[in-house]
All heavy atoms as atom14 arrays in JSON, in Angstrom:
{
  "sequence": "SGKAVKNLKVEDGDISLDIELGYPAKSQID",
  "atom14_mask": [
    [1, 1, 1, 1, 1, 1, 0, 0, 0, 0, 0, 0, 0, 0],
    [1, 1, 1, 1, 0, 0, 0, 0, 0, 0, 0, 0, 0, 0],
    [1, 1, 1, 1, 1, 1, 1, 1, 1, 0, 0, 0, 0, 0],
    [1, 1, 1, 1, 1, 0, 0, 0, 0, 0, 0, 0, 0, 0],
    [1, 1, 1, 1, 1, 1, 1, 0, 0, 0, 0, 0, 0, 0],
    [1, 1, 1, 1, 1, 1, 1, 1, 1, 0, 0, 0, 0, 0],
    [1, 1, 1, 1, 1, 1, 1, 1, 0, 0, 0, 0, 0, 0],
    [1, 1, 1, 1, 1, 1, 1, 1, 0, 0, 0, 0, 0, 0],
    [1, 1, 1, 1, 1, 1, 1, 1, 1, 0, 0, 0, 0, 0],
    [1, 1, 1, 1, 1, 1, 1, 0, 0, 0, 0, 0, 0, 0],
    [1, 1, 1, 1, 1, 1, 1, 1, 1, 0, 0, 0, 0, 0],
    [1, 1, 1, 1, 1, 1, 1, 1, 0, 0, 0, 0, 0, 0],
    [1, 1, 1, 1, 0, 0, 0, 0, 0, 0, 0, 0, 0, 0],
    [1, 1, 1, 1, 1, 1, 1, 1, 0, 0, 0, 0, 0, 0],
    [1, 1, 1, 1, 1, 1, 1, 1, 0, 0, 0, 0, 0, 0],
    [1, 1, 1, 1, 1, 1, 0, 0, 0, 0, 0, 0, 0, 0],
    [1, 1, 1, 1, 1, 1, 1, 1, 0, 0, 0, 0, 0, 0],
    [1, 1, 1, 1, 1, 1, 1, 1, 0, 0, 0, 0, 0, 0],
    [1, 1, 1, 1, 1, 1, 1, 1, 0, 0, 0, 0, 0, 0],
    [1, 1, 1, 1, 1, 1, 1, 1, 1, 0, 0, 0, 0, 0],
    [1, 1, 1, 1, 1, 1, 1, 1, 0, 0, 0, 0, 0, 0],
    [1, 1, 1, 1, 0, 0, 0, 0, 0, 0, 0, 0, 0, 0],
    [1, 1, 1, 1, 1, 1, 1, 1, 1, 1, 1, 1, 0, 0],
    [1, 1, 1, 1, 1, 1, 1, 0, 0, 0, 0, 0, 0, 0],
    [1, 1, 1, 1, 1, 0, 0, 0, 0, 0, 0, 0, 0, 0],
    [1, 1, 1, 1, 1, 1, 1, 1, 1, 0, 0, 0, 0, 0],
    [1, 1, 1, 1, 1, 1, 0, 0, 0, 0, 0, 0, 0, 0],
    [1, 1, 1, 1, 1, 1, 1, 1, 1, 0, 0, 0, 0, 0],
    [1, 1, 1, 1, 1, 1, 1, 1, 0, 0, 0, 0, 0, 0],
    [1, 1, 1, 1, 1, 1, 1, 1, 0, 0, 0, 0, 0, 0]
  ],
  "atom14_positions": [
    [[14.17, -15.18, 18.6], [14.58, -16.2, 17.63], [14.77, -15.59, 16.24], [15.53, -16.1, 15.42], [13.55, -17.34, 17.57], [12.32, -16.87, 17.05], [0.0, 0.0, 0.0], [0.0, 0.0, 0.0], [0.0, 0.0, 0.0], [0.0, 0.0, 0.0], [0.0, 0.0, 0.0], [0.0, 0.0, 0.0], [0.0, 0.0, 0.0], [0.0, 0.0, 0.0]],
    [[14.08, -14.46, 15.98], [14.25, -13.76, 14.71], [15.5, -12.9, 14.67], [15.77, -12.22, 13.67], [0.0, 0.0, 0.0], [0.0, 0.0, 0.0], [0.0, 0.0, 0.0], [0.0, 0.0, 0.0], [0.0, 0.0, 0.0], [0.0, 0.0, 0.0], [0.0, 0.0, 0.0], [0.0, 0.0, 0.0], [0.0, 0.0, 0.0], [0.0, 0.0, 0.0]],
    [[16.26, -12.89, 15.79], [17.53, -12.15, 15.91], [17.36, -10.66, 15.62], [18.22, -10.01, 15.03], [18.6, -12.74, 14.99], [18.95, -14.18, 15.36], [20.0, -14.76, 14.46], [20.31, -16.21, 14.87], [21.26, -16.87, 13.97], [0.0, 0.0, 0.0], [0.0, 0.0, 0.0], [0.0, 0.0, 0.0], [0.0, 0.0, 0.0], [0.0, 0.0, 0.0]],
    [[16.2, -10.13, 16.06], [15.92, -8.71, 15.83], [16.34, -7.83, 17.0], [16.39, -6.6, 16.88], [14.43, -8.51, 15.55], [0.0, 0.0, 0.0], [0.0, 0.0, 0.0], [0.0, 0.0, 0.0], [0.0, 0.0, 0.0], [0.0, 0.0, 0.0], [0.0, 0.0, 0.0], [0.0, 0.0, 0.0], [0.0, 0.0, 0.0], [0.0, 0.0, 0.0]],
    [[16.63, -8.44, 18.17], [16.98, -7.66, 19.37], [18.46, -7.27, 19.32], [19.34, -8.12, 19.21], [16.68, -8.47, 20.65], [17.04, -7.64, 21.89], [15.22, -8.89, 20.69], [0.0, 0.0, 0.0], [0.0, 0.0, 0.0], [0.0, 0.0, 0.0], [0.0, 0.0, 0.0], [0.0, 0.0, 0.0], [0.0, 0.0, 0.0], [0.0, 0.0, 0.0]],
    [[18.71, -5.97, 19.39], [20.08, -5.44, 19.35], [20.3, -4.47, 20.51], [19.35, -3.85, 21.02], [20.33, -4.68, 18.02], [19.92, -5.43, 16.75], [20.89, -6.54, 16.42], [20.48, -7.24, 15.12], [21.32, -8.37, 14.79], [0.0, 0.0, 0.0], [0.0, 0.0, 0.0], [0.0, 0.0, 0.0], [0.0, 0.0, 0.0], [0.0, 0.0, 0.0]],
    [[21.56, -4.31, 20.9], [21.99, -3.29, 21.88], [21.19, -3.34, 23.19], [20.81, -2.29, 23.73], [21.88, -1.88, 21.27], [22.59, -1.77, 19.95], [23.68, -2.32, 19.78], [21.99, -1.08, 18.98], [0.0, 0.0, 0.0], [0.0, 0.0, 0.0], [0.0, 0.0, 0.0], [0.0, 0.0, 0.0], [0.0, 0.0, 0.0], [0.0, 0.0, 0.0]],
    [[20.92, -4.52, 23.7], [20.15, -4.66, 24.94], [21.0, -4.24, 26.14], [22.11, -4.74, 26.34], [19.68, -6.12, 25.1], [19.0, -6.48, 26.42], [17.75, -5.65, 26.63], [18.66, -7.97, 26.46], [0.0, 0.0, 0.0], [0.0, 0.0, 0.0], [0.0, 0.0, 0.0], [0.0, 0.0, 0.0], [0.0, 0.0, 0.0], [0.0, 0.0, 0.0]],
    [[20.45, -3.33, 26.94], [21.13, -2.88, 28.17], [20.12, -2.86, 29.32], [19.0, -2.36, 29.15], [21.71, -1.47, 27.98], [22.89, -1.42, 27.02], [23.36, -0.01, 26.81], [24.43, 0.06, 25.71], [24.74, 1.44, 25.33], [0.0, 0.0, 0.0], [0.0, 0.0, 0.0], [0.0, 0.0, 0.0], [0.0, 0.0, 0.0], [0.0, 0.0, 0.0]],
    [[20.53, -3.43, 30.43], [19.68, -3.44, 31.63], [20.49, -2.87, 32.79], [21.58, -3.35, 33.09], [19.21, -4.88, 31.97], [18.31, -4.87, 33.2], [18.49, -5.52, 30.79], [0.0, 0.0, 0.0], [0.0, 0.0, 0.0], [0.0, 0.0, 0.0], [0.0, 0.0, 0.0], [0.0, 0.0, 0.0], [0.0, 0.0, 0.0], [0.0, 0.0, 0.0]],
    [[19.94, -1.81, 33.42], [20.67, -1.16, 34.51], [19.69, -0.64, 35.55], [18.86, 0.24, 35.25], [21.51, 0.0, 33.95], [22.55, 0.5, 34.93], [23.46, 1.55, 34.29], [23.69, 1.48, 33.06], [23.93, 2.42, 35.02], [0.0, 0.0, 0.0], [0.0, 0.0, 0.0], [0.0, 0.0, 0.0], [0.0, 0.0, 0.0], [0.0, 0.0, 0.0]],
    [[19.74, -1.22, 36.77], [18.87, -0.8, 37.88], [17.39, -0.79, 37.47], [16.64, 0.15, 37.8], [19.27, 0.59, 38.4], [20.69, 0.59, 38.95], [21.12, -0.46, 39.46], [21.36, 1.63, 38.85], [0.0, 0.0, 0.0], [0.0, 0.0, 0.0], [0.0, 0.0, 0.0], [0.0, 0.0, 0.0], [0.0, 0.0, 0.0], [0.0, 0.0, 0.0]],
    [[16.97, -1.78, 36.72], [15.56, -1.87, 36.32], [15.23, -1.12, 35.04], [14.17, -1.32, 34.46], [0.0, 0.0, 0.0], [0.0, 0.0, 0.0], [0.0, 0.0, 0.0], [0.0, 0.0, 0.0], [0.0, 0.0, 0.0], [0.0, 0.0, 0.0], [0.0, 0.0, 0.0], [0.0, 0.0, 0.0], [0.0, 0.0, 0.0], [0.0, 0.0, 0.0]],
    [[16.13, -0.22, 34.61], [15.91, 0.5, 33.34], [16.35, -0.39, 32.17], [17.42, -1.01, 32.24], [16.69, 1.81, 33.31], [16.18, 2.81, 34.34], [15.05, 2.61, 34.84], [16.9, 3.77, 34.65], [0.0, 0.0, 0.0], [0.0, 0.0, 0.0], [0.0, 0.0, 0.0], [0.0, 0.0, 0.0], [0.0, 0.0, 0.0], [0.0, 0.0, 0.0]],
    [[15.55, -0.41, 31.14], [15.82, -1.29, 29.99], [15.88, -0.46, 28.72], [15.0, 0.37, 28.46], [14.69, -2.35, 29.83], [14.51, -3.15, 31.13], [14.98, -3.29, 28.67], [13.22, -3.96, 31.17], [0.0, 0.0, 0.0], [0.0, 0.0, 0.0], [0.0, 0.0, 0.0], [0.0, 0.0, 0.0], [0.0, 0.0, 0.0], [0.0, 0.0, 0.0]],
    [[16.92, -0.67, 27.93], [16.96, -0.05, 26.6], [17.39, -1.1, 25.58], [18.21, -1.96, 25.87], [17.93, 1.14, 26.59], [19.25, 0.7, 26.72], [0.0, 0.0, 0.0], [0.0, 0.0, 0.0], [0.0, 0.0, 0.0], [0.0, 0.0, 0.0], [0.0, 0.0, 0.0], [0.0, 0.0, 0.0], [0.0, 0.0, 0.0], [0.0, 0.0, 0.0]],
    [[16.79, -1.03, 24.42], [17.13, -1.98, 23.35], [16.64, -1.44, 22.01], [15.83, -0.5, 21.96], [16.51, -3.36, 23.62], [14.98, -3.41, 23.67], [14.4, -3.97, 22.38], [14.5, -4.26, 24.85], [0.0, 0.0, 0.0], [0.0, 0.0, 0.0], [0.0, 0.0, 0.0], [0.0, 0.0, 0.0], [0.0, 0.0, 0.0], [0.0, 0.0, 0.0]],
    [[17.14, -2.05, 20.96], [16.69, -1.73, 19.61], [16.1, -3.0, 19.0], [16.61, -4.1, 19.22], [17.83, -1.24, 18.73], [18.37, 0.11, 19.2], [17.56, 0.96, 19.61], [19.61, 0.3, 19.18], [0.0, 0.0, 0.0], [0.0, 0.0, 0.0], [0.0, 0.0, 0.0], [0.0, 0.0, 0.0], [0.0, 0.0, 0.0], [0.0, 0.0, 0.0]],
    [[15.04, -2.81, 18.24], [14.48, -3.89, 17.42], [14.83, -3.55, 15.97], [14.42, -2.5, 15.46], [12.94, -4.01, 17.57], [12.56, -4.35, 19.02], [12.39, -5.04, 16.6], [12.92, -5.74, 19.47], [0.0, 0.0, 0.0], [0.0, 0.0, 0.0], [0.0, 0.0, 0.0], [0.0, 0.0, 0.0], [0.0, 0.0, 0.0], [0.0, 0.0, 0.0]],
    [[15.6, -4.42, 15.34], [16.04, -4.18, 13.96], [15.31, -5.14, 13.02], [15.51, -6.35, 13.07], [17.55, -4.39, 13.86], [18.15, -3.94, 12.54], [19.66, -4.1, 12.53], [20.35, -3.15, 12.97], [20.13, -5.18, 12.12], [0.0, 0.0, 0.0], [0.0, 0.0, 0.0], [0.0, 0.0, 0.0], [0.0, 0.0, 0.0], [0.0, 0.0, 0.0]],
    [[14.44, -4.59, 12.2], [13.65, -5.39, 11.26], [14.42, -5.53, 9.95], [15.13, -4.62, 9.53], [12.3, -4.72, 10.99], [11.47, -4.37, 12.24], [10.24, -3.54, 11.84], [11.04, -5.63, 12.97], [0.0, 0.0, 0.0], [0.0, 0.0, 0.0], [0.0, 0.0, 0.0], [0.0, 0.0, 0.0], [0.0, 0.0, 0.0], [0.0, 0.0, 0.0]],
    [[14.27, -6.66, 9.29], [14.97, -6.89, 8.03], [14.15, -6.5, 6.82], [14.51, -6.82, 5.69], [0.0, 0.0, 0.0], [0.0, 0.0, 0.0], [0.0, 0.0, 0.0], [0.0, 0.0, 0.0], [0.0, 0.0, 0.0], [0.0, 0.0, 0.0], [0.0, 0.0, 0.0], [0.0, 0.0, 0.0], [0.0, 0.0, 0.0], [0.0, 0.0, 0.0]],
    [[13.06, -5.8, 7.04], [12.14, -5.41, 5.96], [11.59, -4.02, 6.25], [11.56, -3.59, 7.41], [10.99, -6.42, 5.86], [10.23, -6.59, 7.16], [9.13, -5.78, 7.46], [10.64, -7.52, 8.11], [8.46, -5.9, 8.66], [9.97, -7.65, 9.33], [8.88, -6.84, 9.59], [8.22, -6.95, 10.79], [0.0, 0.0, 0.0], [0.0, 0.0, 0.0]],
    [[11.15, -3.27, 5.23], [10.62, -1.93, 5.49], [9.24, -2.02, 6.12], [8.41, -2.81, 5.68], [10.55, -1.3, 4.08], [10.39, -2.47, 3.16], [11.14, -3.61, 3.8], [0.0, 0.0, 0.0], [0.0, 0.0, 0.0], [0.0, 0.0, 0.0], [0.0, 0.0, 0.0], [0.0, 0.0, 0.0], [0.0, 0.0, 0.0], [0.0, 0.0, 0.0]],
    [[9.01, -1.24, 7.17], [7.73, -1.34, 7.87], [7.37, -0.03, 8.57], [7.04, 0.0, 9.74], [7.79, -2.48, 8.88], [0.0, 0.0, 0.0], [0.0, 0.0, 0.0], [0.0, 0.0, 0.0], [0.0, 0.0, 0.0], [0.0, 0.0, 0.0], [0.0, 0.0, 0.0], [0.0, 0.0, 0.0], [0.0, 0.0, 0.0], [0.0, 0.0, 0.0]],
    [[7.45, 1.06, 7.82], [7.2, 2.38, 8.39], [5.85, 2.45, 9.11], [5.73, 3.01, 10.19], [7.25, 3.41, 7.25], [7.46, 4.84, 7.69], [7.67, 5.69, 6.44], [7.77, 7.15, 6.76], [7.89, 7.95, 5.53], [0.0, 0.0, 0.0], [0.0, 0.0, 0.0], [0.0, 0.0, 0.0], [0.0, 0.0, 0.0], [0.0, 0.0, 0.0]],
    [[4.84, 1.83, 8.5], [3.49, 1.89, 9.07], [3.34, 1.0, 10.3], [2.36, 1.1, 11.03], [2.45, 1.49, 8.01], [2.64, 0.13, 7.64], [0.0, 0.0, 0.0], [0.0, 0.0, 0.0], [0.0, 0.0, 0.0], [0.0, 0.0, 0.0], [0.0, 0.0, 0.0], [0.0, 0.0, 0.0], [0.0, 0.0, 0.0], [0.0, 0.0, 0.0]],
    [[4.28, 0.08, 10.51], [4.18, -0.89, 11.6], [5.04, -0.53, 12.82], [4.86, -1.11, 13.89], [4.65, -2.27, 11.1], [4.08, -2.67, 9.76], [2.78, -3.43, 9.91], [2.74, -4.47, 10.52], [1.72, -2.88, 9.36], [0.0, 0.0, 0.0], [0.0, 0.0, 0.0], [0.0, 0.0, 0.0], [0.0, 0.0, 0.0], [0.0, 0.0, 0.0]],
    [[5.98, 0.4, 12.63], [6.99, 0.65, 13.67], [6.37, 1.07, 15.0], [6.74, 0.57, 16.06], [8.02, 1.68, 13.16], [9.03, 0.97, 12.24], [8.74, 2.39, 14.29], [10.02, 1.87, 11.54], [0.0, 0.0, 0.0], [0.0, 0.0, 0.0], [0.0, 0.0, 0.0], [0.0, 0.0, 0.0], [0.0, 0.0, 0.0], [0.0, 0.0, 0.0]],
    [[5.4, 1.98, 14.97], [4.8, 2.47, 16.21], [4.1, 1.35, 16.96], [4.24, 1.21, 18.18], [3.82, 3.61, 15.89], [3.49, 4.43, 17.12], [4.41, 4.7, 17.92], [2.3, 4.76, 17.32], [0.0, 0.0, 0.0], [0.0, 0.0, 0.0], [0.0, 0.0, 0.0], [0.0, 0.0, 0.0], [0.0, 0.0, 0.0], [0.0, 0.0, 0.0]]
  ]
}
């Protein structure tokens, strides 16, 4: 709902995606 999910790809059970935050959060990323 926060529209942070980008570039979602699902292939044979493998999942790749990006989470794009609208604020700086270097300490929170991990």
